[in-house]
């Protein structure tokens, strides 16, 4: 019952909150998908005890829209800017957005393009 509710809410989210973005897998061809845009802040310390803070632009994408898992180096075009999928502070470049694995939360950084 909970899984069904999450899938229903994900469909509503993708329909009402998502924007069209271009997605280009590393070495692949660009295609248009829908993504909910967000952000995540990562904090880490190095060997000297210095804190670093990395803020990523996140793109929440339903699993059905991508033929394979996101990987470092994939690119996302959003509002005329290019974002590269990355692994911030030693973390994976994506994580599941919910407990039932209905969507990826992809971490990316604006490359200035």
Protein backbone atom coordinates (compact mmCIF):
# COMPACT_ATOMS: atom_id res chain seq x y z
CA UNK A 1 0.00 0.00 0.00
CA UNK A 2 2.81 2.44 0.86
CA UNK A 3 4.69 1.58 -2.34
CA UNK A 4 1.56 2.26 -4.38
CA UNK A 5 1.10 5.63 -2.66
CA UNK A 6 4.74 6.60 -3.30
CA UNK A 7 4.45 5.64 -6.98
CA UNK A 8 1.26 7.70 -7.26
CA UNK A 9 2.87 10.72 -5.56
CA UNK A 10 5.97 10.37 -7.78
CA UNK A 11 3.76 10.50 -10.89
CA UNK A 12 2.06 13.67 -9.60
CA UNK A 13 5.46 15.19 -8.75
CA UNK A 14 6.83 14.48 -12.24
CA UNK A 15 3.72 15.88 -13.87
CA UNK A 16 3.39 19.09 -11.85
CA UNK A 17 6.88 19.96 -10.52
CA UNK A 18 9.32 18.56 -13.08
CA UNK A 19 11.04 20.53 -15.83
CA UNK A 20 12.32 19.26 -19.15
CA UNK A 21 16.09 18.80 -19.15
CA UNK A 22 18.55 17.39 -21.64
CA UNK A 23 20.39 14.29 -20.47
CA UNK A 24 23.53 13.01 -22.18
CA UNK A 25 25.04 9.81 -20.83
CA UNK A 26 28.84 9.64 -21.00
CA UNK A 27 29.64 8.62 -24.56
CA UNK A 28 25.94 8.50 -25.47
CA UNK A 29 23.37 10.63 -27.25
CA UNK A 30 21.35 13.44 -25.70
CA UNK A 31 17.66 12.99 -25.01
CA UNK A 32 15.00 14.97 -23.16
CA UNK A 33 13.68 13.81 -19.79
CA UNK A 34 11.69 15.35 -16.96
CA UNK A 35 13.39 16.10 -13.64
CA UNK A 36 12.52 17.78 -10.37
CA UNK A 37 15.35 20.18 -9.55
CA UNK A 38 16.76 20.40 -6.02
CA UNK A 39 20.04 20.66 -4.15
CA UNK A 40 22.15 18.83 -1.59
CA UNK A 41 24.91 20.17 0.66
CA UNK A 42 27.83 17.85 1.43
CA UNK A 43 30.36 18.56 4.18
CA UNK A 44 33.67 16.76 4.71
CA UNK A 45 36.97 17.22 6.49
CA UNK A 46 40.37 16.54 4.99
CA UNK A 47 43.41 15.01 6.71
CA UNK A 48 44.32 18.43 8.18
CA UNK A 49 40.87 18.88 9.71
CA UNK A 50 39.80 21.54 7.21
CA UNK A 51 36.08 21.51 6.43
CA UNK A 52 34.89 21.70 2.86
CA UNK A 53 31.34 22.35 1.77
CA UNK A 54 30.04 21.31 -1.64
CA UNK A 55 26.56 22.20 -2.83
CA UNK A 56 25.24 20.25 -5.79
CA UNK A 57 22.32 20.86 -8.10
CA UNK A 58 20.24 17.71 -7.89
CA UNK A 59 17.95 16.28 -10.53
CA UNK A 60 15.31 13.79 -9.38
CA UNK A 61 14.50 11.53 -12.31
CA UNK A 62 12.12 8.58 -12.43
CA UNK A 63 13.97 5.31 -12.98
CA UNK A 64 12.01 4.54 -16.16
CA UNK A 65 13.44 7.58 -17.98
CA UNK A 66 17.05 6.37 -17.95
CA UNK A 67 18.22 3.17 -19.66
CA UNK A 68 21.04 2.72 -17.11
CA UNK A 69 22.20 4.13 -13.79
CA UNK A 70 23.66 7.66 -13.88
CA UNK A 71 27.44 7.82 -13.87
CA UNK A 72 30.14 10.43 -13.29
CA UNK A 73 30.63 12.44 -16.47
CA UNK A 74 27.03 12.33 -17.68
CA UNK A 75 25.75 15.81 -18.55
CA UNK A 76 22.46 17.55 -17.87
CA UNK A 77 21.31 20.70 -19.69
CA UNK A 78 19.00 22.91 -17.64
CA UNK A 79 17.96 26.52 -18.34
CA UNK A 80 20.83 27.00 -20.77
CA UNK A 81 23.47 25.70 -18.36
CA UNK A 82 25.45 22.46 -18.46
CA UNK A 83 25.73 20.37 -15.29
CA UNK A 84 28.15 17.46 -14.99
CA UNK A 85 27.27 14.47 -12.84
CA UNK A 86 29.87 14.14 -10.09
CA UNK A 87 30.75 12.33 -6.86
CA UNK A 88 30.89 15.09 -4.21
CA UNK A 89 33.08 14.57 -1.14
CA UNK A 90 33.59 10.89 -1.93
CA UNK A 91 29.86 10.20 -2.08
CA UNK A 92 28.17 8.32 -4.94
CA UNK A 93 27.00 10.46 -7.87
CA UNK A 94 23.38 9.45 -7.25
CA UNK A 95 21.19 7.85 -4.62
CA UNK A 96 17.67 6.55 -4.53
CA UNK A 97 15.12 9.23 -3.84
CA UNK A 98 12.88 6.89 -1.86
CA UNK A 99 12.84 3.51 -0.15
CA UNK A 100 11.13 1.80 -3.10
CA UNK A 101 13.72 2.89 -5.70
CA UNK A 102 11.29 4.71 -7.99
CA UNK A 103 13.63 7.64 -8.80
CA UNK A 104 17.28 8.63 -8.90
CA UNK A 105 18.53 11.75 -7.11
CA UNK A 106 21.46 12.71 -9.33
CA UNK A 107 24.16 15.07 -7.99
CA UNK A 108 25.66 17.51 -10.53
CA UNK A 109 27.68 20.71 -10.67
CA UNK A 110 27.41 23.62 -13.08
CA UNK A 111 30.42 23.48 -15.39
CA UNK A 112 30.06 27.12 -16.37
CA UNK A 113 28.68 26.28 -19.79
